[in-house]
Protein backbone atom coordinates (compact mmCIF):
# COMPACT_ATOMS: atom_id res chain seq x y z
CA UNK A 1 -5.61 -32.87 -12.07
CA UNK A 2 -6.41 -31.04 -15.53
CA UNK A 3 -10.45 -31.06 -14.02
CA UNK A 4 -9.61 -29.79 -10.84
CA UNK A 5 -7.02 -27.43 -12.82
CA UNK A 6 -9.81 -26.01 -15.47
CA UNK A 7 -12.03 -26.17 -12.43
CA UNK A 8 -10.36 -23.77 -11.00
CA UNK A 9 -10.38 -21.23 -14.17
CA UNK A 10 -13.43 -21.29 -15.06
CA UNK A 11 -14.40 -20.19 -11.38
CA UNK A 12 -11.96 -17.47 -11.02
CA UNK A 13 -13.13 -16.12 -14.04
CA UNK A 14 -16.55 -15.86 -12.53
CA UNK A 15 -15.36 -14.42 -9.79
CA UNK A 16 -13.65 -11.37 -11.68
CA UNK A 17 -16.91 -10.90 -13.04
CA UNK A 18 -18.93 -10.30 -9.90
CA UNK A 19 -15.79 -7.82 -9.04
CA UNK A 20 -16.56 -4.18 -8.27
CA UNK A 21 -14.21 -2.32 -9.53
CA UNK A 22 -13.08 1.60 -8.65
CA UNK A 23 -13.55 4.01 -11.41
CA UNK A 24 -10.59 5.37 -12.91
CA UNK A 25 -11.81 9.06 -10.46
CA UNK A 26 -11.91 6.57 -7.58
CA UNK A 27 -8.96 5.06 -7.89
CA UNK A 28 -6.88 8.44 -8.73
CA UNK A 29 -8.38 9.31 -4.95
CA UNK A 30 -7.31 6.23 -3.53
CA UNK A 31 -4.01 5.90 -4.68
CA UNK A 32 -3.97 10.06 -4.34
CA UNK A 33 -4.39 9.30 -0.59
CA UNK A 34 -1.79 6.48 -0.19
CA UNK A 35 1.11 8.47 -1.37
CA UNK A 36 -0.34 11.22 0.32
CA UNK A 37 -0.19 9.37 3.98
CA UNK A 38 3.03 7.13 2.90
CA UNK A 39 4.60 11.13 2.05
CA UNK A 40 3.49 11.75 5.71
CA UNK A 41 5.13 9.20 7.53
CA UNK A 42 8.17 9.33 6.10
CA UNK A 43 8.80 13.01 7.17
CA UNK A 44 7.71 12.21 10.53
CA UNK A 45 9.78 9.33 10.50
CA UNK A 46 13.00 11.29 9.39
CA UNK A 47 12.36 14.04 11.46
CA UNK A 48 11.82 11.60 14.53
CA UNK A 49 15.50 9.65 13.12
CA UNK A 50 17.32 13.78 12.57
CA UNK A 51 15.69 14.04 16.57
CA UNK A 52 16.67 11.13 18.01
CA UNK A 53 20.18 11.37 16.29
CA UNK A 54 20.60 14.86 17.59
CA UNK A 55 19.79 13.72 20.45
CA UNK A 56 22.36 11.10 21.25
CA UNK A 57 25.34 12.85 19.29
CA UNK A 58 24.59 15.47 22.53
CA UNK A 59 24.75 12.48 24.84
CA UNK A 60 27.75 11.00 23.18
CA UNK A 61 30.16 13.73 23.05
């Protein structure tokens, strides 16, 4: 059991060395894209919710 854990950790360490990590500039750009898309989706869903709520209020009253 301990041998399997050591093997797993050793292989994991080797895999981490082969990862192609993004540069700081690339990471910031990707974060900006994710935040921008999230805000756009939130605005769209908020607007759709407002419109549907307004329509529902008109139908009910």
